[in-house]
Amino acid sequence: MQPRLSASVALALLLTASAAAASTRVVQGSATAKSYNEVWRKWDNVPLAVYVDDSSNAYIMGTDGGIIKARGFLSQSDTSKVLALLRKSQEWVATAQAKKLEVTKELGRFMRRSDFSENGVALQFFAANEGRQTDVILTLVDFDNQFYRLELYLDPSQVAALIGLLERVPETISELKKHEAAAASLE
């Protein structure tokens, strides 16, 4: 069972968005990923959320117990590219299993340089154990603080859940703009 974002977590997400993003909206749905906890030497499930801003950008966010760990920025065109790459990774799963591959292959990097830092999203395909274990490694580097970084592993079902969230980005942006227009008409 996947955890759902509670109203208080969703509100916290909206309030912690960058000041540069005047208005944001969380994409409905949920997804998870796995993160290795070095201290406890175990894998933890990390809730993922996607939200959008009024400039048509999307953000993939990894949280831990309601605490934001990292928010990877994606422009509108990058969101489409990430979706295509995640779908491609699903095709590679069957190939890795059939050919018993063990490989780590970069899918794409969507990083932005600002001053002396880099932030954004990176994707790698990972296959091990003769293709029996396949994951997408999702690296998120926070757009406000490059030291907030998450390396997450998504199995095929988790990739499908993230694809579902990213597919809802355009409709969420439309809803956000509709609500902004309605609010502007009150002036």
C-alpha atoms as a PDB file:
ATOM      1  CA  MET A   1       0.000   0.000   0.000  1.00  0.00           C
ATOM      2  CA  GLN A   2       1.406   3.373  -0.995  1.00  0.00           C
ATOM      3  CA  PRO A   3       1.155   6.296   1.437  1.00  0.00           C
ATOM      4  CA  ARG A   4      -0.991   9.248   0.422  1.00  0.00           C
ATOM      5  CA  LEU A   5      -0.048  12.842   1.025  1.00  0.00           C
ATOM      6  CA  SER A   6      -2.129  14.212   3.858  1.00  0.00           C
ATOM      7  CA  ALA A   7      -3.636  17.668   3.618  1.00  0.00           C
ATOM      8  CA  SER A   8      -1.112  18.984   6.152  1.00  0.00           C
ATOM      9  CA  VAL A   9       1.834  17.588   4.172  1.00  0.00           C
ATOM     10  CA  ALA A  10       0.421  19.029   0.945  1.00  0.00           C
ATOM     11  CA  LEU A  11       0.032  22.414   2.656  1.00  0.00           C
ATOM     12  CA  ALA A  12       3.601  22.208   3.963  1.00  0.00           C
ATOM     13  CA  LEU A  13       4.805  21.448   0.442  1.00  0.00           C
ATOM     14  CA  LEU A  14       3.027  24.481  -0.934  1.00  0.00           C
ATOM     15  CA  LEU A  15       4.359  26.741   1.808  1.00  0.00           C
ATOM     16  CA  THR A  16       7.949  25.551   1.380  1.00  0.00           C
ATOM     17  CA  ALA A  17       8.045  26.080  -2.371  1.00  0.00           C
ATOM     18  CA  SER A  18      10.587  28.559  -3.571  1.00  0.00           C
ATOM     19  CA  ALA A  19       9.710  32.221  -3.262  1.00  0.00           C
ATOM     20  CA  ALA A  20      10.387  32.421  -7.003  1.00  0.00           C
ATOM     21  CA  ALA A  21       7.369  30.191  -7.571  1.00  0.00           C
ATOM     22  CA  ALA A  22       4.521  32.478  -6.577  1.00  0.00           C
ATOM     23  CA  SER A  23       1.868  29.812  -6.937  1.00  0.00           C
ATOM     24  CA  THR A  24       2.132  26.029  -6.822  1.00  0.00           C
ATOM     25  CA  ARG A  25      -0.171  23.021  -6.919  1.00  0.00           C
ATOM     26  CA  VAL A  26       0.516  19.401  -5.934  1.00  0.00           C
ATOM     27  CA  VAL A  27      -0.196  16.734  -8.562  1.00  0.00           C
ATOM     28  CA  GLN A  28      -2.790  14.297  -7.219  1.00  0.00           C
ATOM     29  CA  GLY A  29      -1.529  10.771  -6.598  1.00  0.00           C
ATOM     30  CA  SER A  30       1.384   9.137  -4.875  1.00  0.00           C
ATOM     31  CA  ALA A  31       4.565   7.254  -5.603  1.00  0.00           C
ATOM     32  CA  THR A  32       7.443   5.838  -3.594  1.00  0.00           C
ATOM     33  CA  ALA A  33      11.089   4.975  -4.091  1.00  0.00           C
ATOM     34  CA  LYS A  34      13.753   3.174  -2.090  1.00  0.00           C
ATOM     35  CA  SER A  35      16.676   4.888  -0.413  1.00  0.00           C
ATOM     36  CA  TYR A  36      19.571   3.181   1.327  1.00  0.00           C
ATOM     37  CA  ASN A  37      20.055   4.364   4.906  1.00  0.00           C
ATOM     38  CA  GLU A  38      23.787   4.189   5.590  1.00  0.00           C
ATOM     39  CA  VAL A  39      23.379   4.602   9.353  1.00  0.00           C
ATOM     40  CA  TRP A  40      20.891   1.782   9.841  1.00  0.00           C
ATOM     41  CA  ARG A  41      22.197  -0.239   6.878  1.00  0.00           C
ATOM     42  CA  LYS A  42      18.757  -0.864   5.477  1.00  0.00           C
ATOM     43  CA  TRP A  43      16.470   0.227   2.640  1.00  0.00           C
ATOM     44  CA  ASP A  44      13.752   2.763   3.439  1.00  0.00           C
ATOM     45  CA  ASN A  45      10.684   3.663   1.412  1.00  0.00           C
ATOM     46  CA  VAL A  46      10.654   7.341   0.516  1.00  0.00           C
ATOM     47  CA  PRO A  47       7.417   9.055  -0.527  1.00  0.00           C
ATOM     48  CA  LEU A  48       7.629  10.955  -3.825  1.00  0.00           C
ATOM     49  CA  ALA A  49       5.446  13.889  -4.807  1.00  0.00           C
ATOM     50  CA  VAL A  50       5.276  16.077  -7.883  1.00  0.00           C
ATOM     51  CA  TYR A  51       4.140  19.669  -7.859  1.00  0.00           C
ATOM     52  CA  VAL A  52       3.954  22.413 -10.482  1.00  0.00           C
ATOM     53  CA  ASP A  53       4.327  26.170 -10.498  1.00  0.00           C
ATOM     54  CA  ASP A  54       2.604  28.922 -12.453  1.00  0.00           C
ATOM     55  CA  SER A  55       5.504  29.016 -14.953  1.00  0.00           C
ATOM     56  CA  SER A  56       4.666  25.451 -16.092  1.00  0.00           C
ATOM     57  CA  ASN A  57       7.666  23.905 -14.336  1.00  0.00           C
ATOM     58  CA  ALA A  58       7.452  20.618 -12.446  1.00  0.00           C
ATOM     59  CA  TYR A  59       9.318  19.507  -9.335  1.00  0.00           C
ATOM     60  CA  ILE A  60       9.911  15.926  -8.213  1.00  0.00           C
ATOM     61  CA  MET A  61      10.231  15.893  -4.468  1.00  0.00           C
ATOM     62  CA  GLY A  62      11.496  13.202  -2.145  1.00  0.00           C
ATOM     63  CA  THR A  63      10.355  13.445   1.461  1.00  0.00           C
ATOM     64  CA  ASP A  64      11.060  11.578   4.643  1.00  0.00           C
ATOM     65  CA  GLY A  65       8.396  11.634   7.337  1.00  0.00           C
ATOM     66  CA  GLY A  66       7.014  14.912   6.003  1.00  0.00           C
ATOM     67  CA  ILE A  67      10.469  16.502   5.878  1.00  0.00           C
ATOM     68  CA  ILE A  68      11.532  17.596   2.423  1.00  0.00           C
ATOM     69  CA  LYS A  69      14.814  15.974   1.433  1.00  0.00           C
ATOM     70  CA  ALA A  70      15.259  17.282  -2.127  1.00  0.00           C
ATOM     71  CA  ARG A  71      13.222  18.941  -4.889  1.00  0.00           C
ATOM     72  CA  GLY A  72      14.437  18.339  -8.432  1.00  0.00           C
ATOM     73  CA  PHE A  73      13.434  21.056 -10.914  1.00  0.00           C
ATOM     74  CA  LEU A  74      12.159  20.193 -14.420  1.00  0.00           C
ATOM     75  CA  SER A  75      11.223  22.708 -17.096  1.00  0.00           C
ATOM     76  CA  GLN A  76       8.141  21.933 -19.176  1.00  0.00           C
ATOM     77  CA  SER A  77      10.218  20.443 -22.014  1.00  0.00           C
ATOM     78  CA  ASP A  78      12.369  18.464 -19.551  1.00  0.00           C
ATOM     79  CA  THR A  79       9.237  16.949 -17.994  1.00  0.00           C
ATOM     80  CA  SER A  80       8.283  15.495 -21.401  1.00  0.00           C
ATOM     81  CA  LYS A  81      11.809  14.141 -21.881  1.00  0.00           C
ATOM     82  CA  VAL A  82      11.863  12.533 -18.423  1.00  0.00           C
ATOM     83  CA  LEU A  83       8.514  10.871 -19.147  1.00  0.00           C
ATOM     84  CA  ALA A  84       9.862   9.441 -22.416  1.00  0.00           C
ATOM     85  CA  LEU A  85      12.994   8.136 -20.681  1.00  0.00           C
ATOM     86  CA  LEU A  86      11.012   6.517 -17.874  1.00  0.00           C
ATOM     87  CA  ARG A  87       8.878   4.758 -20.487  1.00  0.00           C
ATOM     88  CA  LYS A  88      12.053   3.659 -22.292  1.00  0.00           C
ATOM     89  CA  SER A  89      13.380   2.210 -19.027  1.00  0.00           C
ATOM     90  CA  GLN A  90      10.264   0.022 -18.820  1.00  0.00           C
ATOM     91  CA  GLU A  91      11.123  -1.434 -22.232  1.00  0.00           C
ATOM     92  CA  TRP A  92      14.694  -2.077 -21.095  1.00  0.00           C
ATOM     93  CA  VAL A  93      13.462  -4.217 -18.177  1.00  0.00           C
ATOM     94  CA  ALA A  94      12.348  -6.994 -20.546  1.00  0.00           C
ATOM     95  CA  THR A  95      15.620  -6.787 -22.492  1.00  0.00           C
ATOM     96  CA  ALA A  96      17.707  -6.946 -19.303  1.00  0.00           C
ATOM     97  CA  GLN A  97      15.775  -9.984 -18.110  1.00  0.00           C
ATOM     98  CA  ALA A  98      15.888 -11.800 -21.468  1.00  0.00           C
ATOM     99  CA  LYS A  99      19.615 -11.174 -21.973  1.00  0.00           C
ATOM    100  CA  LYS A 100      20.500 -11.533 -18.270  1.00  0.00           C
ATOM    101  CA  LEU A 101      22.226  -8.156 -18.287  1.00  0.00           C
ATOM    102  CA  GLU A 102      24.121  -6.495 -15.483  1.00  0.00           C
ATOM    103  CA  VAL A 103      24.521  -2.851 -16.404  1.00  0.00           C
ATOM    104  CA  THR A 104      24.265   0.734 -15.229  1.00  0.00           C
ATOM    105  CA  LYS A 105      23.438   3.100 -18.082  1.00  0.00           C
ATOM    106  CA  GLU A 106      22.714   6.830 -17.958  1.00  0.00           C
ATOM    107  CA  LEU A 107      19.246   7.693 -19.236  1.00  0.00           C
ATOM    108  CA  GLY A 108      19.461  11.476 -18.949  1.00  0.00           C
ATOM    109  CA  ARG A 109      20.636  14.451 -16.911  1.00  0.00           C
ATOM    110  CA  PHE A 110      18.479  17.505 -16.416  1.00  0.00           C
ATOM    111  CA  MET A 111      20.776  19.623 -14.317  1.00  0.00           C
ATOM    112  CA  ARG A 112      20.985  23.409 -14.169  1.00  0.00           C
ATOM    113  CA  ARG A 113      24.109  25.304 -13.247  1.00  0.00           C
ATOM    114  CA  SER A 114      23.789  28.364 -11.058  1.00  0.00           C
ATOM    115  CA  ASP A 115      26.799  30.150  -9.634  1.00  0.00           C
ATOM    116  CA  PHE A 116      28.884  27.374  -8.097  1.00  0.00           C
ATOM    117  CA  SER A 117      26.232  24.697  -7.839  1.00  0.00           C
ATOM    118  CA  GLU A 118      24.253  22.250  -9.918  1.00  0.00           C
ATOM    119  CA  ASN A 119      20.662  21.195  -9.304  1.00  0.00           C
ATOM    120  CA  GLY A 120      17.969  19.162 -11.010  1.00  0.00           C
ATOM    121  CA  VAL A 121      17.204  15.555 -11.884  1.00  0.00           C
ATOM    122  CA  ALA A 122      19.322  12.684 -13.247  1.00  0.00           C
ATOM    123  CA  LEU A 123      18.185   9.212 -14.334  1.00  0.00           C
ATOM    124  CA  GLN A 124      20.124   5.954 -14.715  1.00  0.00           C
ATOM    125  CA  PHE A 125      18.970   2.447 -15.615  1.00  0.00           C
ATOM    126  CA  PHE A 126      20.358  -0.293 -13.376  1.00  0.00           C
ATOM    127  CA  ALA A 127      20.179  -4.066 -13.890  1.00  0.00           C
ATOM    128  CA  ALA A 128      21.790  -6.655 -11.606  1.00  0.00           C
ATOM    129  CA  ASN A 129      21.531 -10.339 -10.681  1.00  0.00           C
ATOM    130  CA  GLU A 130      21.431 -11.385 -14.331  1.00  0.00           C
ATOM    131  CA  GLY A 131      18.602  -8.963 -15.066  1.00  0.00           C
ATOM    132  CA  ARG A 132      16.379 -10.115 -12.213  1.00  0.00           C
ATOM    133  CA  GLN A 133      16.744  -6.783 -10.389  1.00  0.00           C
ATOM    134  CA  THR A 134      16.037  -3.690 -12.465  1.00  0.00           C
ATOM    135  CA  ASP A 135      15.710  -0.164 -11.153  1.00  0.00           C
ATOM    136  CA  VAL A 136      15.802   3.404 -12.300  1.00  0.00           C
ATOM    137  CA  ILE A 137      18.178   5.406 -10.152  1.00  0.00           C
ATOM    138  CA  LEU A 138      16.637   8.844  -9.673  1.00  0.00           C
ATOM    139  CA  THR A 139      18.969  11.530  -8.356  1.00  0.00           C
ATOM    140  CA  LEU A 140      17.369  14.712  -7.059  1.00  0.00           C
ATOM    141  CA  VAL A 141      19.469  17.770  -6.234  1.00  0.00           C
ATOM    142  CA  ASP A 142      17.427  20.505  -4.570  1.00  0.00           C
ATOM    143  CA  PHE A 143      17.052  23.754  -6.502  1.00  0.00           C
ATOM    144  CA  ASP A 144      17.484  25.876  -3.341  1.00  0.00           C
ATOM    145  CA  ASN A 145      20.310  23.940  -1.681  1.00  0.00           C
ATOM    146  CA  GLN A 146      22.701  21.691  -3.608  1.00  0.00           C
ATOM    147  CA  PHE A 147      23.528  19.827  -0.402  1.00  0.00           C
ATOM    148  CA  TYR A 148      19.962  18.458  -0.265  1.00  0.00           C
ATOM    149  CA  ARG A 149      20.475  15.458  -2.489  1.00  0.00           C
ATOM    150  CA  LEU A 150      18.691  12.128  -2.753  1.00  0.00           C
ATOM    151  CA  GLU A 151      19.658   9.009  -4.651  1.00  0.00           C
ATOM    152  CA  LEU A 152      16.538   6.899  -5.025  1.00  0.00           C
ATOM    153  CA  TYR A 153      15.920   3.479  -6.579  1.00  0.00           C
ATOM    154  CA  LEU A 154      12.608   2.827  -8.330  1.00  0.00           C
ATOM    155  CA  ASP A 155      11.577  -0.702  -9.294  1.00  0.00           C
ATOM    156  CA  PRO A 156       9.326  -1.099 -12.380  1.00  0.00           C
ATOM    157  CA  SER A 157       6.083  -0.625 -10.413  1.00  0.00           C
ATOM    158  CA  GLN A 158       7.466   2.513  -8.752  1.00  0.00           C
ATOM    159  CA  VAL A 159       8.552   3.826 -12.158  1.00  0.00           C
ATOM    160  CA  ALA A 160       4.975   3.299 -13.379  1.00  0.00           C
ATOM    161  CA  ALA A 161       3.627   5.284 -10.404  1.00  0.00           C
ATOM    162  CA  LEU A 162       6.025   8.178 -11.111  1.00  0.00           C
ATOM    163  CA  ILE A 163       5.024   8.104 -14.783  1.00  0.00           C
ATOM    164  CA  GLY A 164       1.399   8.413 -13.647  1.00  0.00           C
ATOM    165  CA  LEU A 165       2.220  11.524 -11.629  1.00  0.00           C
ATOM    166  CA  LEU A 166       4.204  13.140 -14.442  1.00  0.00           C
ATOM    167  CA  GLU A 167       1.423  12.401 -16.937  1.00  0.00           C
ATOM    168  CA  ARG A 168      -0.918  14.493 -14.754  1.00  0.00           C
ATOM    169  CA  VAL A 169       1.399  17.532 -14.800  1.00  0.00           C
ATOM    170  CA  PRO A 170      -0.302  19.311 -17.775  1.00  0.00           C
ATOM    171  CA  GLU A 171      -3.796  19.011 -16.271  1.00  0.00           C
ATOM    172  CA  THR A 172      -2.499  20.204 -12.891  1.00  0.00           C
ATOM    173  CA  ILE A 173      -0.898  23.238 -14.539  1.00  0.00           C
ATOM    174  CA  SER A 174      -4.225  23.972 -16.280  1.00  0.00           C
ATOM    175  CA  GLU A 175      -6.073  23.737 -12.943  1.00  0.00           C
ATOM    176  CA  LEU A 176      -3.537  26.032 -11.302  1.00  0.00           C
ATOM    177  CA  LYS A 177      -3.879  28.650 -14.047  1.00  0.00           C
ATOM    178  CA  LYS A 178      -7.693  28.405 -13.958  1.00  0.00           C
ATOM    179  CA  HIS A 179      -7.710  29.057 -10.196  1.00  0.00           C
ATOM    180  CA  GLU A 180      -5.242  31.941 -10.588  1.00  0.00           C
ATOM    181  CA  ALA A 181      -7.471  33.528 -13.265  1.00  0.00           C
ATOM    182  CA  ALA A 182     -10.517  33.164 -11.008  1.00  0.00           C
ATOM    183  CA  ALA A 183      -8.620  34.744  -8.109  1.00  0.00           C
ATOM    184  CA  ALA A 184      -7.433  37.619 -10.334  1.00  0.00           C
ATOM    185  CA  SER A 185     -11.025  38.374 -11.336  1.00  0.00           C
ATOM    186  CA  LEU A 186     -11.798  39.189  -7.683  1.00  0.00           C
ATOM    187  CA  GLU A 187      -9.646  42.302  -7.854  1.00  0.00           C
END
